[in-house]
Amino acid sequence: MNVSIGDQVRLIGAQPFLKTADPMPMLRPPDLVDLDEVGIVVALQPGDTVAVRFTRGTFLLKVEALTVVEDQVSS
């Protein structure tokens, strides 16, 4: 899956932990991000990792753990 900066994404499943995107990353509990919460990709990192900003912080996540949110048009 290809993601770009500015894409809206969601977690596919629960994570064992979350790693902050701070200059000195820290491990945080996984309950800081709900599975239905939409985040925004703010940076692309090496190794198929992206920084995603959610309500409670910005976290480093593998691309495989995310799905892109498609725009839903109301009819």
PDB file of N, CA and C in Angstrom:
ATOM      1  N   MET A   1       0.855  -1.183   0.000  1.00  0.00           N
ATOM      2  CA  MET A   1       0.000   0.000   0.000  1.00  0.00           C
ATOM      3  C   MET A   1       0.894   1.236   0.000  1.00  0.00           C
ATOM      4  N   ASN A   2       0.542   2.180  -0.819  1.00  0.00           N
ATOM      5  CA  ASN A   2       1.269   3.444  -0.865  1.00  0.00           C
ATOM      6  C   ASN A   2       0.493   4.495  -0.102  1.00  0.00           C
ATOM      7  N   VAL A   3       1.179   5.226   0.752  1.00  0.00           N
ATOM      8  CA  VAL A   3       0.571   6.343   1.460  1.00  0.00           C
ATOM      9  C   VAL A   3       1.408   7.580   1.205  1.00  0.00           C
ATOM     10  N   SER A   4       0.758   8.709   1.291  1.00  0.00           N
ATOM     11  CA  SER A   4       1.426   9.992   1.095  1.00  0.00           C
ATOM     12  C   SER A   4       1.126  10.893   2.279  1.00  0.00           C
ATOM     13  N   ILE A   5       1.935  11.912   2.439  1.00  0.00           N
ATOM     14  CA  ILE A   5       1.685  12.889   3.492  1.00  0.00           C
ATOM     15  C   ILE A   5       0.326  13.534   3.235  1.00  0.00           C
ATOM     16  N   GLY A   6      -0.477  13.626   4.282  1.00  0.00           N
ATOM     17  CA  GLY A   6      -1.815  14.198   4.172  1.00  0.00           C
ATOM     18  C   GLY A   6      -2.920  13.170   4.031  1.00  0.00           C
ATOM     19  N   ASP A   7      -2.575  11.907   3.749  1.00  0.00           N
ATOM     20  CA  ASP A   7      -3.592  10.850   3.645  1.00  0.00           C
ATOM     21  C   ASP A   7      -4.249  10.622   5.000  1.00  0.00           C
ATOM     22  N   GLN A   8      -5.532  10.328   4.968  1.00  0.00           N
ATOM     23  CA  GLN A   8      -6.254   9.953   6.184  1.00  0.00           C
ATOM     24  C   GLN A   8      -6.217   8.442   6.288  1.00  0.00           C
ATOM     25  N   VAL A   9      -5.821   7.951   7.467  1.00  0.00           N
ATOM     26  CA  VAL A   9      -5.667   6.513   7.658  1.00  0.00           C
ATOM     27  C   VAL A   9      -6.312   6.074   8.959  1.00  0.00           C
ATOM     28  N   ARG A  10      -6.543   4.756   9.059  1.00  0.00           N
ATOM     29  CA  ARG A  10      -7.089   4.107  10.251  1.00  0.00           C
ATOM     30  C   ARG A  10      -6.258   2.871  10.548  1.00  0.00           C
ATOM     31  N   LEU A  11      -6.203   2.483  11.804  1.00  0.00           N
ATOM     32  CA  LEU A  11      -5.544   1.233  12.174  1.00  0.00           C
ATOM     33  C   LEU A  11      -6.379   0.050  11.705  1.00  0.00           C
ATOM     34  N   ILE A  12      -5.727  -0.995  11.225  1.00  0.00           N
ATOM     35  CA  ILE A  12      -6.423  -2.203  10.802  1.00  0.00           C
ATOM     36  C   ILE A  12      -6.810  -3.029  12.022  1.00  0.00           C
ATOM     37  N   GLY A  13      -5.917  -3.112  12.989  1.00  0.00           N
ATOM     38  CA  GLY A  13      -6.170  -3.904  14.190  1.00  0.00           C
ATOM     39  C   GLY A  13      -5.452  -3.314  15.384  1.00  0.00           C
ATOM     40  N   ALA A  14      -5.708  -3.896  16.539  1.00  0.00           N
ATOM     41  CA  ALA A  14      -5.086  -3.415  17.770  1.00  0.00           C
ATOM     42  C   ALA A  14      -3.575  -3.639  17.719  1.00  0.00           C
ATOM     43  N   GLN A  15      -2.833  -2.699  18.241  1.00  0.00           N
ATOM     44  CA  GLN A  15      -1.377  -2.763  18.291  1.00  0.00           C
ATOM     45  C   GLN A  15      -0.927  -3.176  19.693  1.00  0.00           C
ATOM     46  N   PRO A  16       0.207  -3.856  19.817  1.00  0.00           N
ATOM     47  CA  PRO A  16       0.682  -4.225  21.157  1.00  0.00           C
ATOM     48  C   PRO A  16       1.161  -3.007  21.949  1.00  0.00           C
ATOM     49  N   PHE A  17       1.612  -1.981  21.240  1.00  0.00           N
ATOM     50  CA  PHE A  17       2.050  -0.728  21.854  1.00  0.00           C
ATOM     51  C   PHE A  17       2.098   0.330  20.765  1.00  0.00           C
ATOM     52  N   LEU A  18       2.234   1.588  21.153  1.00  0.00           N
ATOM     53  CA  LEU A  18       2.397   2.692  20.217  1.00  0.00           C
ATOM     54  C   LEU A  18       3.742   3.345  20.497  1.00  0.00           C
ATOM     55  N   LYS A  19       4.452   3.720  19.446  1.00  0.00           N
ATOM     56  CA  LYS A  19       5.741   4.383  19.587  1.00  0.00           C
ATOM     57  C   LYS A  19       5.570   5.837  19.159  1.00  0.00           C
ATOM     58  N   THR A  20       5.910   6.766  20.051  1.00  0.00           N
ATOM     59  CA  THR A  20       5.736   8.182  19.734  1.00  0.00           C
ATOM     60  C   THR A  20       6.695   8.613  18.640  1.00  0.00           C
ATOM     61  N   ALA A  21       6.332   9.666  17.926  1.00  0.00           N
ATOM     62  CA  ALA A  21       7.160  10.201  16.850  1.00  0.00           C
ATOM     63  C   ALA A  21       8.002  11.373  17.343  1.00  0.00           C
ATOM     64  N   ASP A  22       8.284  11.398  18.630  1.00  0.00           N
ATOM     65  CA  ASP A  22       9.106  12.458  19.212  1.00  0.00           C
ATOM     66  C   ASP A  22      10.574  12.259  18.834  1.00  0.00           C
ATOM     67  N   PRO A  23      11.415  13.307  19.012  1.00  0.00           N
ATOM     68  CA  PRO A  23      12.849  13.137  18.743  1.00  0.00           C
ATOM     69  C   PRO A  23      13.462  11.986  19.549  1.00  0.00           C
ATOM     70  N   MET A  24      12.969  11.756  20.760  1.00  0.00           N
ATOM     71  CA  MET A  24      13.355  10.571  21.539  1.00  0.00           C
ATOM     72  C   MET A  24      12.078   9.753  21.748  1.00  0.00           C
ATOM     73  N   PRO A  25      11.802   8.801  20.851  1.00  0.00           N
ATOM     74  CA  PRO A  25      10.546   8.042  20.910  1.00  0.00           C
ATOM     75  C   PRO A  25      10.390   7.270  22.211  1.00  0.00           C
ATOM     76  N   MET A  26       9.128   7.155  22.637  1.00  0.00           N
ATOM     77  CA  MET A  26       8.782   6.389  23.831  1.00  0.00           C
ATOM     78  C   MET A  26       7.657   5.425  23.476  1.00  0.00           C
ATOM     79  N   LEU A  27       7.602   4.307  24.160  1.00  0.00           N
ATOM     80  CA  LEU A  27       6.498   3.368  23.982  1.00  0.00           C
ATOM     81  C   LEU A  27       5.340   3.796  24.859  1.00  0.00           C
ATOM     82  N   ARG A  28       4.152   3.770  24.275  1.00  0.00           N
ATOM     83  CA  ARG A  28       2.941   4.191  24.981  1.00  0.00           C
ATOM     84  C   ARG A  28       1.911   3.074  24.897  1.00  0.00           C
ATOM     85  N   PRO A  29       0.916   3.082  25.780  1.00  0.00           N
ATOM     86  CA  PRO A  29      -0.114   2.026  25.735  1.00  0.00           C
ATOM     87  C   PRO A  29      -0.964   2.139  24.464  1.00  0.00           C
ATOM     88  N   PRO A  30      -1.440   1.001  23.955  1.00  0.00           N
ATOM     89  CA  PRO A  30      -2.185   1.007  22.696  1.00  0.00           C
ATOM     90  C   PRO A  30      -3.573   1.628  22.782  1.00  0.00           C
ATOM     91  N   ASP A  31      -4.115   1.813  23.997  1.00  0.00           N
ATOM     92  CA  ASP A  31      -5.476   2.353  24.109  1.00  0.00           C
ATOM     93  C   ASP A  31      -5.549   3.865  23.875  1.00  0.00           C
ATOM     94  N   LEU A  32      -4.460   4.490  23.499  1.00  0.00           N
ATOM     95  CA  LEU A  32      -4.490   5.930  23.185  1.00  0.00           C
ATOM     96  C   LEU A  32      -5.147   6.197  21.828  1.00  0.00           C
ATOM     97  N   VAL A  33      -5.240   5.171  20.970  1.00  0.00           N
ATOM     98  CA  VAL A  33      -5.852   5.325  19.647  1.00  0.00           C
ATOM     99  C   VAL A  33      -6.937   4.266  19.495  1.00  0.00           C
ATOM    100  N   ASP A  34      -8.165   4.704  19.246  1.00  0.00           N
ATOM    101  CA  ASP A  34      -9.274   3.780  18.979  1.00  0.00           C
ATOM    102  C   ASP A  34      -9.169   3.268  17.542  1.00  0.00           C
ATOM    103  N   LEU A  35      -9.680   2.064  17.298  1.00  0.00           N
ATOM    104  CA  LEU A  35      -9.607   1.492  15.955  1.00  0.00           C
ATOM    105  C   LEU A  35     -10.414   2.281  14.927  1.00  0.00           C
ATOM    106  N   ASP A  36     -11.467   2.971  15.361  1.00  0.00           N
ATOM    107  CA  ASP A  36     -12.272   3.739  14.409  1.00  0.00           C
ATOM    108  C   ASP A  36     -11.793   5.182  14.262  1.00  0.00           C
ATOM    109  N   GLU A  37     -10.732   5.561  14.966  1.00  0.00           N
ATOM    110  CA  GLU A  37     -10.213   6.936  14.893  1.00  0.00           C
ATOM    111  C   GLU A  37      -9.416   7.135  13.606  1.00  0.00           C
ATOM    112  N   VAL A  38      -9.646   8.270  12.950  1.00  0.00           N
ATOM    113  CA  VAL A  38      -8.943   8.608  11.714  1.00  0.00           C
ATOM    114  C   VAL A  38      -7.769   9.518  12.058  1.00  0.00           C
ATOM    115  N   GLY A  39      -6.601   9.178  11.511  1.00  0.00           N
ATOM    116  CA  GLY A  39      -5.406   9.992  11.700  1.00  0.00           C
ATOM    117  C   GLY A  39      -4.898  10.504  10.364  1.00  0.00           C
ATOM    118  N   ILE A  40      -3.957  11.430  10.412  1.00  0.00           N
ATOM    119  CA  ILE A  40      -3.393  12.026   9.200  1.00  0.00           C
ATOM    120  C   ILE A  40      -1.901  11.723   9.149  1.00  0.00           C
ATOM    121  N   VAL A  41      -1.446  11.231   8.001  1.00  0.00           N
ATOM    122  CA  VAL A  41      -0.022  10.958   7.813  1.00  0.00           C
ATOM    123  C   VAL A  41       0.712  12.300   7.746  1.00  0.00           C
ATOM    124  N   VAL A  42       1.682  12.484   8.644  1.00  0.00           N
ATOM    125  CA  VAL A  42       2.417  13.755   8.691  1.00  0.00           C
ATOM    126  C   VAL A  42       3.869  13.607   8.253  1.00  0.00           C
ATOM    127  N   ALA A  43       4.395  12.377   8.176  1.00  0.00           N
ATOM    128  CA  ALA A  43       5.774  12.167   7.741  1.00  0.00           C
ATOM    129  C   ALA A  43       5.963  10.736   7.273  1.00  0.00           C
ATOM    130  N   LEU A  44       6.844  10.574   6.291  1.00  0.00           N
ATOM    131  CA  LEU A  44       7.227   9.255   5.812  1.00  0.00           C
ATOM    132  C   LEU A  44       8.600   8.942   6.395  1.00  0.00           C
ATOM    133  N   GLN A  45       8.747   7.762   6.965  1.00  0.00           N
ATOM    134  CA  GLN A  45       9.989   7.354   7.614  1.00  0.00           C
ATOM    135  C   GLN A  45      10.576   6.162   6.851  1.00  0.00           C
ATOM    136  N   PRO A  46      11.857   5.875   7.060  1.00  0.00           N
ATOM    137  CA  PRO A  46      12.449   4.698   6.405  1.00  0.00           C
ATOM    138  C   PRO A  46      11.824   3.402   6.924  1.00  0.00           C
ATOM    139  N   GLY A  47      11.931   2.356   6.120  1.00  0.00           N
ATOM    140  CA  GLY A  47      11.462   1.039   6.553  1.00  0.00           C
ATOM    141  C   GLY A  47       9.961   0.884   6.555  1.00  0.00           C
ATOM    142  N   ASP A  48       9.258   1.475   5.593  1.00  0.00           N
ATOM    143  CA  ASP A  48       7.794   1.367   5.503  1.00  0.00           C
ATOM    144  C   ASP A  48       7.103   1.800   6.784  1.00  0.00           C
ATOM    145  N   THR A  49       7.599   2.855   7.395  1.00  0.00           N
ATOM    146  CA  THR A  49       7.032   3.412   8.611  1.00  0.00           C
ATOM    147  C   THR A  49       6.566   4.827   8.327  1.00  0.00           C
ATOM    148  N   VAL A  50       5.432   5.197   8.914  1.00  0.00           N
ATOM    149  CA  VAL A  50       4.919   6.556   8.754  1.00  0.00           C
ATOM    150  C   VAL A  50       4.597   7.139  10.124  1.00  0.00           C
ATOM    151  N   ALA A  51       4.645   8.455  10.215  1.00  0.00           N
ATOM    152  CA  ALA A  51       4.212   9.156  11.419  1.00  0.00           C
ATOM    153  C   ALA A  51       2.775   9.605  11.179  1.00  0.00           C
ATOM    154  N   VAL A  52       1.885   9.211  12.079  1.00  0.00           N
ATOM    155  CA  VAL A  52       0.456   9.518  11.938  1.00  0.00           C
ATOM    156  C   VAL A  52       0.006  10.316  13.150  1.00  0.00           C
ATOM    157  N   ARG A  53      -0.641  11.469  12.887  1.00  0.00           N
ATOM    158  CA  ARG A  53      -1.158  12.306  13.975  1.00  0.00           C
ATOM    159  C   ARG A  53      -2.596  11.905  14.279  1.00  0.00           C
ATOM    160  N   PHE A  54      -2.808  11.479  15.524  1.00  0.00           N
ATOM    161  CA  PHE A  54      -4.134  11.169  16.036  1.00  0.00           C
ATOM    162  C   PHE A  54      -4.477  12.209  17.091  1.00  0.00           C
ATOM    163  N   THR A  55      -5.669  12.123  17.667  1.00  0.00           N
ATOM    164  CA  THR A  55      -6.113  13.078  18.673  1.00  0.00           C
ATOM    165  C   THR A  55      -5.168  13.147  19.865  1.00  0.00           C
ATOM    166  N   ARG A  56      -4.675  11.999  20.317  1.00  0.00           N
ATOM    167  CA  ARG A  56      -3.848  11.951  21.530  1.00  0.00           C
ATOM    168  C   ARG A  56      -2.352  11.909  21.280  1.00  0.00           C
ATOM    169  N   GLY A  57      -1.924  12.190  20.058  1.00  0.00           N
ATOM    170  CA  GLY A  57      -0.488  12.222  19.794  1.00  0.00           C
ATOM    171  C   GLY A  57      -0.143  11.756  18.401  1.00  0.00           C
ATOM    172  N   THR A  58       1.143  11.865  18.075  1.00  0.00           N
ATOM    173  CA  THR A  58       1.665  11.423  16.785  1.00  0.00           C
ATOM    174  C   THR A  58       2.517  10.184  17.034  1.00  0.00           C
ATOM    175  N   PHE A  59       2.226   9.132  16.268  1.00  0.00           N
ATOM    176  CA  PHE A  59       2.856   7.843  16.508  1.00  0.00           C
ATOM    177  C   PHE A  59       3.461   7.277  15.234  1.00  0.00           C
ATOM    178  N   LEU A  60       4.544   6.505  15.394  1.00  0.00           N
ATOM    179  CA  LEU A  60       5.189   5.818  14.286  1.00  0.00           C
ATOM    180  C   LEU A  60       4.530   4.457  14.111  1.00  0.00           C
ATOM    181  N   LEU A  61       4.058   4.194  12.900  1.00  0.00           N
ATOM    182  CA  LEU A  61       3.352   2.935  12.627  1.00  0.00           C
ATOM    183  C   LEU A  61       3.822   2.353  11.305  1.00  0.00           C
ATOM    184  N   LYS A  62       3.836   1.031  11.225  1.00  0.00           N
ATOM    185  CA  LYS A  62       4.141   0.355   9.969  1.00  0.00           C
ATOM    186  C   LYS A  62       2.970   0.557   9.002  1.00  0.00           C
ATOM    187  N   VAL A  63       3.284   0.680   7.721  1.00  0.00           N
ATOM    188  CA  VAL A  63       2.251   0.883   6.700  1.00  0.00           C
ATOM    189  C   VAL A  63       1.275  -0.292   6.690  1.00  0.00           C
ATOM    190  N   GLU A  64       1.767  -1.519   6.975  1.00  0.00           N
ATOM    191  CA  GLU A  64       0.902  -2.706   6.964  1.00  0.00           C
ATOM    192  C   GLU A  64      -0.179  -2.653   8.036  1.00  0.00           C
ATOM    193  N   ALA A  65       0.006  -1.823   9.066  1.00  0.00           N
ATOM    194  CA  ALA A  65      -0.963  -1.734  10.160  1.00  0.00           C
ATOM    195  C   ALA A  65      -2.060  -0.716   9.880  1.00  0.00           C
ATOM    196  N   LEU A  66      -2.023  -0.100   8.686  1.00  0.00           N
ATOM    197  CA  LEU A  66      -2.946   0.993   8.370  1.00  0.00           C
ATOM    198  C   LEU A  66      -3.759   0.700   7.127  1.00  0.00           C
ATOM    199  N   THR A  67      -4.896   1.354   7.043  1.00  0.00           N
ATOM    200  CA  THR A  67      -5.703   1.353   5.828  1.00  0.00           C
ATOM    201  C   THR A  67      -6.074   2.794   5.520  1.00  0.00           C
ATOM    202  N   VAL A  68      -6.052   3.148   4.250  1.00  0.00           N
ATOM    203  CA  VAL A  68      -6.390   4.511   3.834  1.00  0.00           C
ATOM    204  C   VAL A  68      -7.896   4.673   3.874  1.00  0.00           C
ATOM    205  N   VAL A  69      -8.355   5.804   4.412  1.00  0.00           N
ATOM    206  CA  VAL A  69      -9.776   6.104   4.491  1.00  0.00           C
ATOM    207  C   VAL A  69     -10.189   6.746   3.175  1.00  0.00           C
ATOM    208  N   GLU A  70     -11.121   6.101   2.509  1.00  0.00           N
ATOM    209  CA  GLU A  70     -11.636   6.629   1.242  1.00  0.00           C
ATOM    210  C   GLU A  70     -12.673   7.696   1.536  1.00  0.00           C
ATOM    211  N   ASP A  71     -12.696   8.727   0.697  1.00  0.00           N
ATOM    212  CA  ASP A  71     -13.715   9.783   0.851  1.00  0.00           C
ATOM    213  C   ASP A  71     -15.066   9.175   0.518  1.00  0.00           C
ATOM    214  N   GLN A  72     -16.024   9.371   1.431  1.00  0.00           N
ATOM    215  CA  GLN A  72     -17.366   8.873   1.198  1.00  0.00           C
ATOM    216  C   GLN A  72     -18.243  10.031   0.785  1.00  0.00           C
ATOM    217  N   VAL A  73     -18.863   9.886  -0.383  1.00  0.00           N
ATOM    218  CA  VAL A  73     -19.732  10.936  -0.906  1.00  0.00           C
ATOM    219  C   VAL A  73     -21.169  10.588  -0.604  1.00  0.00           C
ATOM    220  N   SER A  74     -21.887  11.509   0.027  1.00  0.00           N
ATOM    221  CA  SER A  74     -23.310  11.285   0.324  1.00  0.00           C
ATOM    222  C   SER A  74     -24.133  11.532  -0.916  1.00  0.00           C
ATOM    223  N   SER A  75     -25.112  10.643  -1.193  1.00  0.00           N
ATOM    224  CA  SER A  75     -25.969  10.873  -2.353  1.00  0.00           C
ATOM    225  C   SER A  75     -27.345  11.254  -1.942  1.00  0.00           C
TER     226      SER A  75
END
